[in-house]
Amino acid sequence: MQKTYDRDKITFYSKVMPVITITIFLLTAAIEVMIRVLRIGTLNMVTEIFNGSMLLLFIILTILTRKFAFATWFVCPFLTIYVFYYLAFLDYDSANASIFYTLVIGVTACYFLLVIFTETWVISTGVYAPMLVYFLWKTGKNMSGTEDGSELVIRSLFCVFIYGIIAYRVEMLNKEAFLGRETAEKASHRWLKIFEVFPEGLALVRNG
């Protein structure tokens, strides 16, 4: 059953990963064109290295997910890192209104990625936790001007706890859905086999 589940995941990601990788490539190319050709803003070396590294990483993941099921565990975590880098590091604005918009967009994007791509809730939560803690610390410092460590810990634990529960539940529901689908297919196949031999059996009964 595990091998069948792994094959199902490999089939899914072999179709999805090229789309994700092409999207990241187009975003990276668009940024380079805006910066180097159109001269709209500047781009630091760290961001260039990050963009190139993420593009290379997803090319590797695209290749690995076609053969190895364990590679699918890292799609959601790396996409979460990609989102947080742009929200918390690159496009971060200290204005209060911008912080609220950024927080809503970031949380929505992370939970979308969680629902669609999470495979191992422990890894997904382990990557999400430090990203969120840093973002909450940064926004709290900019909005209040102080660093309340106890309040940060409580808020971070609550948010990470909720994220972890949802990640765990999503993983379980995905596996349960797969098992239910497999069970239904096996039952259907078994009944088809019965109906295939049913006319022969009925003829034998009629003939004594």
Protein backbone atom coordinates (compact mmCIF):
# COMPACT_ATOMS: atom_id res chain seq x y z
CA MET A 1 0.00 0.00 0.00
CA GLN A 2 2.84 2.40 0.80
CA LYS A 3 4.39 1.81 -2.61
CA THR A 4 1.06 2.55 -4.27
CA TYR A 5 0.73 5.74 -2.22
CA ASP A 6 4.26 6.78 -3.21
CA ARG A 7 3.52 6.15 -6.88
CA ASP A 8 0.39 8.26 -6.60
CA LYS A 9 2.39 11.15 -5.13
CA ILE A 10 5.10 10.82 -7.76
CA THR A 11 2.45 10.98 -10.48
CA PHE A 12 0.93 14.13 -8.95
CA TYR A 13 4.21 15.97 -8.45
CA SER A 14 5.57 14.99 -11.85
CA LYS A 15 2.75 17.10 -13.29
CA VAL A 16 2.85 19.95 -10.75
CA MET A 17 6.57 20.54 -10.25
CA PRO A 18 7.33 21.67 -13.82
CA VAL A 19 4.61 24.31 -13.47
CA ILE A 20 6.06 25.54 -10.17
CA THR A 21 9.60 25.60 -11.53
CA ILE A 22 8.57 27.46 -14.68
CA THR A 23 6.68 30.00 -12.56
CA ILE A 24 9.71 30.63 -10.37
CA PHE A 25 11.87 30.96 -13.48
CA LEU A 26 9.48 33.52 -14.98
CA LEU A 27 9.38 35.51 -11.72
CA THR A 28 13.17 35.49 -11.49
CA ALA A 29 13.50 36.51 -15.15
CA ALA A 30 10.94 39.30 -14.71
CA ILE A 31 12.83 40.68 -11.72
CA GLU A 32 16.10 40.61 -13.63
CA VAL A 33 14.53 42.39 -16.60
CA MET A 34 13.01 45.10 -14.40
CA ILE A 35 16.27 45.67 -12.55
CA ARG A 36 18.87 45.34 -15.30
CA VAL A 37 16.98 46.35 -18.46
CA LEU A 38 14.25 48.73 -17.32
CA ARG A 39 16.32 50.09 -14.43
CA ILE A 40 13.39 49.94 -12.00
CA GLY A 41 14.97 49.84 -8.54
CA THR A 42 17.98 47.88 -7.38
CA LEU A 43 18.59 44.32 -6.34
CA ASN A 44 21.13 43.29 -3.73
CA MET A 45 23.49 40.38 -4.13
CA VAL A 46 21.76 38.30 -1.44
CA THR A 47 18.46 38.37 -3.33
CA GLU A 48 20.18 37.42 -6.61
CA ILE A 49 21.84 34.47 -4.89
CA PHE A 50 18.57 33.50 -3.23
CA ASN A 51 16.60 33.63 -6.50
CA GLY A 52 19.22 31.62 -8.35
CA SER A 53 19.49 29.08 -5.56
CA MET A 54 15.74 28.58 -5.32
CA LEU A 55 15.46 28.16 -9.08
CA LEU A 56 18.25 25.58 -9.09
CA LEU A 57 16.73 23.85 -6.08
CA PHE A 58 13.33 23.50 -7.71
CA ILE A 59 14.90 22.21 -10.91
CA ILE A 60 16.55 19.49 -8.82
CA LEU A 61 13.28 18.80 -6.98
CA THR A 62 11.47 18.55 -10.31
CA ILE A 63 13.88 15.81 -11.33
CA LEU A 64 13.89 14.00 -7.97
CA THR A 65 10.10 13.99 -7.50
CA ARG A 66 9.78 11.98 -10.70
CA LYS A 67 11.69 9.09 -9.11
CA PHE A 68 11.69 9.42 -5.32
CA ALA A 69 8.67 9.98 -3.10
CA PHE A 70 10.75 11.43 -0.24
CA ALA A 71 11.59 14.46 -2.40
CA THR A 72 7.94 15.55 -2.21
CA TRP A 73 8.38 16.19 1.52
CA PHE A 74 10.42 19.33 0.80
CA VAL A 75 8.18 21.08 -1.74
CA CYS A 76 5.95 22.79 0.82
CA PRO A 77 8.81 23.84 3.15
CA PHE A 78 10.88 25.40 0.36
CA LEU A 79 7.87 27.23 -1.07
CA THR A 80 7.18 28.56 2.44
CA ILE A 81 10.75 29.85 2.67
CA TYR A 82 10.34 31.47 -0.75
CA VAL A 83 7.17 33.29 0.36
CA PHE A 84 8.61 34.45 3.67
CA TYR A 85 11.79 35.75 2.11
CA TYR A 86 9.90 38.18 -0.08
CA LEU A 87 7.40 39.16 2.60
CA ALA A 88 9.67 39.42 5.64
CA PHE A 89 13.00 40.36 4.07
CA LEU A 90 12.79 41.87 0.61
CA ASP A 91 9.42 43.63 0.28
CA TYR A 92 8.98 44.38 3.97
CA ASP A 93 7.59 47.84 4.78
CA SER A 94 7.49 49.20 8.33
CA ALA A 95 4.25 51.15 7.73
CA ASN A 96 1.41 49.75 9.86
CA ALA A 97 -1.03 49.36 6.97
CA SER A 98 1.60 47.59 4.88
CA ILE A 99 2.38 45.24 7.77
CA PHE A 100 -1.27 44.20 8.04
CA TYR A 101 -1.56 43.60 4.29
CA THR A 102 1.71 41.67 4.25
CA LEU A 103 0.63 39.53 7.19
CA VAL A 104 -2.70 38.63 5.58
CA ILE A 105 -1.09 37.81 2.24
CA GLY A 106 1.69 35.81 3.87
CA VAL A 107 -0.59 33.73 6.10
CA THR A 108 -3.01 33.08 3.23
CA ALA A 109 -0.19 31.98 0.92
CA CYS A 110 1.39 29.72 3.57
CA TYR A 111 -1.87 27.98 4.41
CA PHE A 112 -2.64 27.54 0.71
CA LEU A 113 0.75 25.87 0.21
CA LEU A 114 0.15 23.79 3.32
CA VAL A 115 -3.18 22.43 2.11
CA ILE A 116 -1.97 21.67 -1.42
CA PHE A 117 1.60 20.47 -0.93
CA THR A 118 2.22 19.30 2.62
CA GLU A 119 3.41 15.70 2.83
CA THR A 120 5.16 15.54 6.21
CA TRP A 121 3.65 17.84 8.83
CA VAL A 122 6.76 17.80 11.04
CA ILE A 123 9.03 19.23 8.32
CA SER A 124 6.46 21.79 7.17
CA THR A 125 5.85 23.02 10.72
CA GLY A 126 9.56 23.00 11.54
CA VAL A 127 10.27 25.34 8.62
CA TYR A 128 7.22 27.56 9.19
CA ALA A 129 7.99 28.14 12.90
CA PRO A 130 11.28 30.12 12.68
CA MET A 131 10.01 32.08 9.68
CA LEU A 132 6.90 33.14 11.58
CA VAL A 133 8.80 33.93 14.78
CA TYR A 134 11.16 36.23 12.92
CA PHE A 135 8.30 37.97 11.12
CA LEU A 136 6.33 38.48 14.37
CA TRP A 137 9.45 39.79 16.11
CA LYS A 138 10.16 42.20 13.27
CA THR A 139 6.60 43.53 13.02
CA GLY A 140 6.27 43.83 16.80
CA LYS A 141 9.49 45.79 17.02
CA ASN A 142 8.47 48.19 14.25
CA MET A 143 4.92 48.75 15.50
CA SER A 144 5.55 49.05 19.24
CA GLY A 145 9.23 49.97 19.34
CA THR A 146 9.88 47.41 22.06
CA GLU A 147 10.81 43.76 22.20
CA ASP A 148 8.50 41.91 24.60
CA GLY A 149 10.00 38.43 24.65
CA SER A 150 7.25 36.74 26.67
CA GLU A 151 4.48 38.11 24.45
CA LEU A 152 6.40 37.04 21.35
CA VAL A 153 6.82 33.52 22.71
CA ILE A 154 3.11 33.16 23.56
CA ARG A 155 1.94 34.45 20.18
CA SER A 156 4.48 32.34 18.30
CA LEU A 157 3.61 29.17 20.19
CA PHE A 158 -0.08 29.70 19.55
CA CYS A 159 0.37 30.32 15.81
CA VAL A 160 2.81 27.44 15.35
CA PHE A 161 0.56 25.13 17.36
CA ILE A 162 -2.43 25.93 15.14
CA TYR A 163 -0.32 25.52 11.99
CA GLY A 164 1.02 22.19 13.23
CA ILE A 165 -2.46 20.85 14.00
CA ILE A 166 -3.72 21.83 10.55
CA ALA A 167 -0.62 20.36 8.88
CA TYR A 168 -1.07 17.09 10.76
CA ARG A 169 -4.77 16.96 9.97
CA VAL A 170 -4.22 17.70 6.27
CA GLU A 171 -1.62 14.94 6.03
CA MET A 172 -3.95 12.45 7.73
CA LEU A 173 -6.90 13.43 5.54
CA ASN A 174 -4.81 13.03 2.39
CA LYS A 175 -3.77 9.53 3.44
CA GLU A 176 -7.29 8.59 4.50
CA ALA A 177 -8.66 9.83 1.18
CA PHE A 178 -6.09 7.75 -0.67
CA LEU A 179 -6.89 4.63 1.37
CA GLY A 180 -10.61 5.15 0.80
CA ARG A 181 -10.09 5.54 -2.91
CA GLU A 182 -7.94 2.43 -3.05
CA THR A 183 -10.47 0.42 -1.04
CA ALA A 184 -13.31 1.53 -3.32
CA GLU A 185 -11.31 0.63 -6.43
CA LYS A 186 -10.48 -2.80 -5.04
CA ALA A 187 -14.11 -3.47 -4.10
CA SER A 188 -15.26 -2.36 -7.54
CA HIS A 189 -12.67 -4.59 -9.21
CA ARG A 190 -13.75 -7.54 -7.06
CA TRP A 191 -17.42 -7.10 -7.97
CA LEU A 192 -16.51 -6.78 -11.65
CA LYS A 193 -14.74 -10.12 -11.40
CA ILE A 194 -17.83 -11.65 -9.83
CA PHE A 195 -20.12 -10.30 -12.53
CA GLU A 196 -17.75 -11.53 -15.24
CA VAL A 197 -18.20 -15.14 -14.13
CA PHE A 198 -21.84 -14.71 -13.07
CA PRO A 199 -23.40 -15.73 -16.44
CA GLU A 200 -21.29 -18.90 -16.51
CA GLY A 201 -22.33 -19.82 -13.00
CA LEU A 202 -25.99 -19.14 -13.76
CA ALA A 203 -25.81 -21.37 -16.85
CA LEU A 204 -24.30 -24.18 -14.76
CA VAL A 205 -27.13 -23.91 -12.21
CA ARG A 206 -29.80 -23.99 -14.92
CA ASN A 207 -28.18 -27.04 -16.52
CA GLY A 208 -28.14 -28.84 -13.22
